[in-house]
């Protein structure tokens, strides 16, 4: 039963690797995952995994 569950999860779980280079030269990297919920493209992941993306998006919006 566990093997079958792992096979099913493998089909809907996707890795994401992030890299962020700050203007001061610091580099951040991370690995996260998300699960596809349906054919419409809805996904679920842990909210804190998107914090670096939100920070980068805010900085771009500020023009810095």
C-alpha atoms as a PDB file:
ATOM      1  CA  UNK A   1       0.000   0.000   0.000  1.00  0.00           C
ATOM      2  CA  UNK A   2       2.827   2.454   0.843  1.00  0.00           C
ATOM      3  CA  UNK A   3       4.553   1.782  -2.470  1.00  0.00           C
ATOM      4  CA  UNK A   4       1.362   2.535  -4.400  1.00  0.00           C
ATOM      5  CA  UNK A   5       0.844   5.775  -2.446  1.00  0.00           C
ATOM      6  CA  UNK A   6       4.402   6.877  -3.238  1.00  0.00           C
ATOM      7  CA  UNK A   7       3.880   6.152  -6.932  1.00  0.00           C
ATOM      8  CA  UNK A   8       0.694   8.255  -6.955  1.00  0.00           C
ATOM      9  CA  UNK A   9       2.365  11.121  -5.065  1.00  0.00           C
ATOM     10  CA  UNK A  10       5.288  11.068  -7.503  1.00  0.00           C
ATOM     11  CA  UNK A  11       2.928  11.932 -10.341  1.00  0.00           C
ATOM     12  CA  UNK A  12       1.529  15.075  -8.703  1.00  0.00           C
ATOM     13  CA  UNK A  13       4.489  16.370  -6.642  1.00  0.00           C
ATOM     14  CA  UNK A  14       6.879  18.739  -8.423  1.00  0.00           C
ATOM     15  CA  UNK A  15      10.209  20.200  -7.279  1.00  0.00           C
ATOM     16  CA  UNK A  16      11.157  23.857  -7.656  1.00  0.00           C
ATOM     17  CA  UNK A  17      14.681  25.240  -7.240  1.00  0.00           C
ATOM     18  CA  UNK A  18      14.992  28.953  -6.527  1.00  0.00           C
ATOM     19  CA  UNK A  19      18.007  31.243  -6.738  1.00  0.00           C
ATOM     20  CA  UNK A  20      18.028  34.876  -5.697  1.00  0.00           C
ATOM     21  CA  UNK A  21      20.986  37.236  -6.077  1.00  0.00           C
ATOM     22  CA  UNK A  22      20.670  40.454  -4.141  1.00  0.00           C
ATOM     23  CA  UNK A  23      22.123  43.777  -5.237  1.00  0.00           C
ATOM     24  CA  UNK A  24      24.740  43.528  -2.472  1.00  0.00           C
ATOM     25  CA  UNK A  25      25.989  40.259  -4.006  1.00  0.00           C
ATOM     26  CA  UNK A  26      24.415  37.860  -1.500  1.00  0.00           C
ATOM     27  CA  UNK A  27      22.970  34.721  -3.024  1.00  0.00           C
ATOM     28  CA  UNK A  28      20.073  32.690  -1.636  1.00  0.00           C
ATOM     29  CA  UNK A  29      19.045  29.293  -2.928  1.00  0.00           C
ATOM     30  CA  UNK A  30      16.237  27.021  -1.933  1.00  0.00           C
ATOM     31  CA  UNK A  31      14.454  23.842  -2.871  1.00  0.00           C
ATOM     32  CA  UNK A  32      10.732  23.477  -2.476  1.00  0.00           C
ATOM     33  CA  UNK A  33       7.885  21.372  -3.772  1.00  0.00           C
ATOM     34  CA  UNK A  34       4.272  21.799  -4.724  1.00  0.00           C
ATOM     35  CA  UNK A  35       1.423  19.390  -5.356  1.00  0.00           C
ATOM     36  CA  UNK A  36      -0.894  19.735  -8.349  1.00  0.00           C
ATOM     37  CA  UNK A  37      -4.498  19.576  -7.158  1.00  0.00           C
ATOM     38  CA  UNK A  38      -6.444  19.476 -10.422  1.00  0.00           C
ATOM     39  CA  UNK A  39      -6.280  19.821 -14.199  1.00  0.00           C
ATOM     40  CA  UNK A  40      -7.012  23.573 -13.937  1.00  0.00           C
ATOM     41  CA  UNK A  41      -3.513  24.086 -12.543  1.00  0.00           C
ATOM     42  CA  UNK A  42      -4.371  24.668  -8.891  1.00  0.00           C
ATOM     43  CA  UNK A  43      -1.420  23.890  -6.642  1.00  0.00           C
ATOM     44  CA  UNK A  44      -0.739  23.699  -2.928  1.00  0.00           C
ATOM     45  CA  UNK A  45       2.514  24.353  -1.084  1.00  0.00           C
ATOM     46  CA  UNK A  46       3.707  25.760   2.225  1.00  0.00           C
ATOM     47  CA  UNK A  47       3.222  29.544   2.323  1.00  0.00           C
ATOM     48  CA  UNK A  48       6.671  30.328   3.716  1.00  0.00           C
ATOM     49  CA  UNK A  49       8.251  28.764   0.648  1.00  0.00           C
ATOM     50  CA  UNK A  50       7.009  31.672  -1.439  1.00  0.00           C
ATOM     51  CA  UNK A  51       8.454  34.404   0.830  1.00  0.00           C
ATOM     52  CA  UNK A  52      11.636  34.921  -1.267  1.00  0.00           C
ATOM     53  CA  UNK A  53       9.517  35.272  -4.407  1.00  0.00           C
ATOM     54  CA  UNK A  54       7.203  37.793  -2.733  1.00  0.00           C
ATOM     55  CA  UNK A  55      10.218  39.786  -1.502  1.00  0.00           C
ATOM     56  CA  UNK A  56      11.795  39.831  -4.967  1.00  0.00           C
ATOM     57  CA  UNK A  57       8.499  40.862  -6.560  1.00  0.00           C
ATOM     58  CA  UNK A  58       8.128  43.754  -4.102  1.00  0.00           C
ATOM     59  CA  UNK A  59      11.670  44.929  -4.851  1.00  0.00           C
ATOM     60  CA  UNK A  60      11.052  44.884  -8.592  1.00  0.00           C
ATOM     61  CA  UNK A  61       7.865  46.892  -8.057  1.00  0.00           C
ATOM     62  CA  UNK A  62       9.827  49.439  -6.014  1.00  0.00           C
ATOM     63  CA  UNK A  63      12.410  49.750  -8.761  1.00  0.00           C
ATOM     64  CA  UNK A  64      15.275  48.656  -6.481  1.00  0.00           C
END
